[in-house]
Amino acid sequence: MSAKDTYHDAVRNALIKDGWTITHDPYTLTFGRKDVYVDLAGERTLAAERGEEKIAVEIKGFMGASEIRDLEVAVGQYAFYRSLLARLEPKRKLFLAVPDDVLAGTLGEPIARPVLEDLHIALVAFNPEREEIVQWIP
C-alpha cells in the first residue's frame, strides 16, 4: 500500500464537513491478483432522488519538483483507477482532489486544460488550512 498524501486528513475532514460518509480509507481495487489503492471512498444519501451517490477520491498535492511531472503522474493514476472502477463498480465516480491553489495555478494553465477536458477528469478542490471543499468540477 502506498503512503498517504500530505493532504489526506484535510481532504477526509473536508468531505465529512461536506456531508459525505467515508466508507473506505483507502479504497482497495482488486483486479486479478493485484491490488491498487485509491485514497478515499465515500457516499451520501441524496434526499431529492432517494438514492445514493458514491465517489472515490485520489488526492494529489502537486508538491514535486516539476508541476508538469506531477500532472502527468496524477492524470495517469486517475485514468488507471477510473478504468478499473468502470469494471468493478461503475456507479462510483472518481474525483481527483487537489488544493485550491493548484486548481487556480497548475491546472488553470493552458497546457493542462486540454488534457483535463479531453480525458473528462472530475476534480474536487479543497482548502487545506480550512479543511473545506471549495469546488466540485464533475
Protein backbone atom coordinates (compact mmCIF):
# COMPACT_ATOMS: atom_id res chain seq x y z
CA MET A 1 0.00 0.00 0.00
CA SER A 2 1.32 3.46 -0.84
CA ALA A 3 1.88 6.22 1.70
CA LYS A 4 -0.87 8.72 2.44
CA ASP A 5 -0.68 12.05 0.68
CA THR A 6 0.26 15.08 2.79
CA TYR A 7 -3.31 16.36 2.46
CA HIS A 8 -5.07 13.06 3.16
CA ASP A 9 -6.55 14.06 6.52
CA ALA A 10 -7.51 17.52 5.29
CA VAL A 11 -9.46 16.04 2.36
CA ARG A 12 -11.06 13.40 4.57
CA ASN A 13 -12.23 16.09 7.02
CA ALA A 14 -13.41 18.35 4.19
CA LEU A 15 -15.51 15.54 2.69
CA ILE A 16 -17.09 14.82 6.06
CA LYS A 17 -17.90 18.52 6.51
CA ASP A 18 -19.46 18.44 3.03
CA GLY A 19 -21.88 15.69 4.08
CA TRP A 20 -20.02 12.58 2.93
CA THR A 21 -19.64 9.39 4.92
CA ILE A 22 -16.17 7.90 4.43
CA THR A 23 -16.67 4.22 3.68
CA HIS A 24 -13.12 3.22 2.74
CA ASP A 25 -9.72 4.61 3.72
CA PRO A 26 -8.12 3.52 1.46
CA TYR A 27 -10.43 2.07 -1.17
CA THR A 28 -8.93 -1.18 -2.46
CA LEU A 29 -9.43 -2.14 -6.09
CA THR A 30 -8.59 -5.79 -6.70
CA PHE A 31 -8.20 -6.92 -10.27
CA GLY A 32 -6.82 -10.38 -10.82
CA ARG A 33 -4.12 -10.99 -8.23
CA LYS A 34 -3.13 -7.33 -7.88
CA ASP A 35 -4.45 -4.55 -5.69
CA VAL A 36 -4.32 -0.79 -6.10
CA TYR A 37 -5.46 1.74 -3.55
CA VAL A 38 -7.50 4.87 -4.19
CA ASP A 39 -7.04 7.25 -1.24
CA LEU A 40 -10.67 7.50 -0.09
CA ALA A 41 -14.18 6.39 -0.93
CA GLY A 42 -17.42 7.80 0.36
CA GLU A 43 -21.12 8.03 -0.14
CA ARG A 44 -24.02 10.23 0.80
CA THR A 45 -27.75 9.94 0.57
CA LEU A 46 -29.45 12.24 -1.88
CA ALA A 47 -32.78 13.20 -0.37
CA ALA A 48 -34.17 14.62 -3.61
CA GLU A 49 -33.52 11.41 -5.55
CA ARG A 50 -33.80 8.95 -2.64
CA GLY A 51 -30.66 7.24 -3.79
CA GLU A 52 -27.01 7.17 -3.01
CA GLU A 53 -24.12 8.96 -4.61
CA LYS A 54 -20.79 7.12 -4.39
CA ILE A 55 -17.37 8.55 -5.03
CA ALA A 56 -13.73 7.57 -4.90
CA VAL A 57 -11.14 10.28 -4.35
CA GLU A 58 -7.50 10.27 -5.34
CA ILE A 59 -5.57 13.05 -3.58
CA LYS A 60 -2.64 14.84 -5.19
CA GLY A 61 -0.76 17.72 -3.60
CA PHE A 62 1.41 18.66 -6.61
CA MET A 63 4.41 19.13 -4.33
CA GLY A 64 7.10 17.64 -6.58
CA ALA A 65 9.98 19.42 -8.28
CA SER A 66 8.03 19.73 -11.56
CA GLU A 67 4.37 20.67 -11.73
CA ILE A 68 4.14 19.17 -15.23
CA ARG A 69 5.54 15.84 -13.99
CA ASP A 70 3.06 15.95 -11.09
CA LEU A 71 0.27 16.49 -13.63
CA GLU A 72 1.47 13.58 -15.77
CA VAL A 73 1.53 11.26 -12.75
CA ALA A 74 -1.87 12.44 -11.49
CA VAL A 75 -3.52 12.03 -14.91
CA GLY A 76 -2.01 8.59 -15.41
CA GLN A 77 -3.07 7.36 -11.99
CA TYR A 78 -6.55 8.85 -12.42
CA ALA A 79 -7.02 7.14 -15.82
CA PHE A 80 -5.78 3.83 -14.42
CA TYR A 81 -8.13 3.90 -11.43
CA ARG A 82 -11.10 5.08 -13.49
CA SER A 83 -10.64 2.20 -15.91
CA LEU A 84 -10.67 -0.34 -13.07
CA LEU A 85 -13.62 1.35 -11.34
CA ALA A 86 -15.63 1.21 -14.56
CA ARG A 87 -15.32 -2.56 -14.49
CA LEU A 88 -15.61 -3.17 -10.75
CA GLU A 89 -18.04 -0.51 -9.54
CA PRO A 90 -19.32 1.55 -12.48
CA LYS A 91 -21.69 3.68 -10.38
CA ARG A 92 -18.86 5.07 -8.23
CA LYS A 93 -17.46 8.33 -9.65
CA LEU A 94 -13.76 9.04 -9.36
CA PHE A 95 -12.51 12.51 -8.44
CA LEU A 96 -9.00 13.94 -8.37
CA ALA A 97 -8.66 16.08 -5.22
CA VAL A 98 -6.22 18.99 -5.39
CA PRO A 99 -5.55 22.03 -3.21
CA ASP A 100 -7.44 25.11 -4.39
CA ASP A 101 -4.18 26.91 -5.27
CA VAL A 102 -3.24 24.01 -7.60
CA LEU A 103 -6.62 24.28 -9.34
CA ALA A 104 -6.10 28.03 -9.82
CA GLY A 105 -2.42 27.65 -10.74
CA THR A 106 -1.12 24.50 -12.40
CA LEU A 107 -4.48 23.13 -13.54
CA GLY A 108 -5.52 26.53 -14.85
CA GLU A 109 -2.50 26.70 -17.16
CA PRO A 110 -3.13 26.41 -20.91
CA ILE A 111 -1.10 23.20 -21.07
CA ALA A 112 -3.32 21.45 -18.51
CA ARG A 113 -6.81 22.48 -19.68
CA PRO A 114 -6.98 20.35 -22.87
CA VAL A 115 -5.84 17.23 -21.03
CA LEU A 116 -8.35 17.70 -18.21
CA GLU A 117 -11.17 18.37 -20.69
CA ASP A 118 -10.30 15.65 -23.22
CA LEU A 119 -9.94 12.98 -20.52
CA HIS A 120 -13.01 14.21 -18.61
CA ILE A 121 -11.16 14.37 -15.31
CA ALA A 122 -13.50 15.15 -12.43
CA LEU A 123 -11.91 17.45 -9.86
CA VAL A 124 -12.58 18.48 -6.31
CA ALA A 125 -10.63 21.46 -5.00
CA PHE A 126 -10.11 21.82 -1.27
CA ASN A 127 -8.64 24.40 1.06
CA PRO A 128 -6.06 22.55 3.17
CA GLU A 129 -5.98 25.09 6.01
CA ARG A 130 -9.76 25.30 6.49
CA GLU A 131 -10.26 21.64 5.56
CA GLU A 132 -13.15 22.57 3.29
CA ILE A 133 -14.28 21.68 -0.19
CA VAL A 134 -14.03 24.79 -2.38
CA GLN A 135 -15.28 23.50 -5.71
CA TRP A 136 -16.58 20.36 -7.41
CA ILE A 137 -15.91 20.04 -11.15
CA PRO A 138 -17.70 16.88 -12.27
